[in-house]
Protein backbone atom coordinates (compact mmCIF):
# COMPACT_ATOMS: atom_id res chain seq x y z
CA UNK A 1 109.75 7.24 122.64
CA UNK A 2 110.52 9.24 119.66
CA UNK A 3 111.63 12.54 120.01
CA UNK A 4 112.20 14.78 116.88
CA UNK A 5 114.90 18.01 116.79
CA UNK A 6 113.63 20.71 115.74
CA UNK A 7 115.65 23.47 114.97
CA UNK A 8 114.11 26.99 113.84
CA UNK A 9 114.87 30.22 112.45
CA UNK A 10 113.68 33.86 113.75
CA UNK A 11 112.04 34.90 111.04
CA UNK A 12 113.10 37.33 107.42
CA UNK A 13 114.54 41.32 109.74
CA UNK A 14 114.97 44.68 108.25
CA UNK A 15 118.38 43.18 107.44
CA UNK A 16 117.43 40.20 105.69
CA UNK A 17 114.52 41.97 103.52
CA UNK A 18 117.74 44.95 102.43
CA UNK A 19 120.21 41.49 101.23
CA UNK A 20 122.57 42.50 104.06
CA UNK A 21 124.82 40.31 106.13
CA UNK A 22 123.52 40.57 109.92
CA UNK A 23 126.61 38.45 111.96
CA UNK A 24 125.72 40.26 115.57
CA UNK A 25 124.06 43.44 114.44
CA UNK A 26 121.06 43.98 116.74
CA UNK A 27 118.55 44.01 114.25
CA UNK A 28 114.36 44.21 113.95
CA UNK A 29 112.60 41.60 112.49
CA UNK A 30 109.90 42.53 109.54
CA UNK A 31 106.33 42.41 109.31
CA UNK A 32 106.98 38.77 107.17
CA UNK A 33 109.82 38.39 109.58
CA UNK A 34 106.93 38.56 112.66
CA UNK A 35 104.23 36.50 110.64
CA UNK A 36 106.71 34.20 110.15
CA UNK A 37 107.50 33.51 113.76
CA UNK A 38 103.77 33.22 114.69
CA UNK A 39 103.39 30.40 112.32
CA UNK A 40 106.27 29.00 114.50
CA UNK A 41 104.17 29.18 116.96
CA UNK A 42 100.59 28.05 115.79
CA UNK A 43 102.31 24.65 114.23
CA UNK A 44 104.15 24.30 118.03
CA UNK A 45 101.04 24.12 119.64
CA UNK A 46 100.17 21.76 122.46
CA UNK A 47 103.92 20.38 122.07
CA UNK A 48 103.78 18.12 124.24
CA UNK A 49 108.25 19.16 125.46
CA UNK A 50 110.13 21.64 124.42
CA UNK A 51 114.16 22.07 124.91
CA UNK A 52 114.89 25.92 124.21
CA UNK A 53 117.66 27.76 123.48
CA UNK A 54 118.37 31.35 122.00
CA UNK A 55 120.86 33.92 121.07
CA UNK A 56 120.79 37.40 122.33
CA UNK A 57 119.40 39.75 119.56
CA UNK A 58 116.00 40.82 119.49
CA UNK A 59 115.41 38.69 116.66
CA UNK A 60 115.82 35.39 117.65
CA UNK A 61 114.99 36.15 121.77
CA UNK A 62 111.38 36.98 119.76
CA UNK A 63 110.93 34.11 118.62
CA UNK A 64 111.39 32.43 121.77
CA UNK A 65 108.56 34.48 123.37
CA UNK A 66 105.95 32.86 120.01
CA UNK A 67 107.61 29.51 120.55
CA UNK A 68 107.87 29.02 124.95
CA UNK A 69 103.33 30.89 124.23
CA UNK A 70 102.13 28.19 121.72
CA UNK A 71 103.56 25.93 124.56
CA UNK A 72 101.88 27.74 127.64
CA UNK A 73 98.86 24.49 128.99
CA UNK A 74 95.12 26.28 128.90
CA UNK A 75 94.37 27.76 131.85
CA UNK A 76 90.56 26.10 132.90
C-alpha cells in the first residue's frame, strides 16, 4: 500500500490580500480564500483515509471543516 502526504494551507486571508504579515492574528478568509478551500474539498472527495491536524485560527479551522466534510461517506 502506498501512502501519500498532502499538506494543505488555508486559503487566501484578508491580510494576504493586503500583503500584510498575518502571524497569529486571527483574520478571516477572503471570498477567494473560501473558494480555494472549496476547491481542496472537491479534490479530496472520497479519500479513503485522512489524518487531519489544524491550528486554532478561524482560517485554519475553515480549511479543516472543508476537508472533513469532503471525507464523509454518502448516506444511502
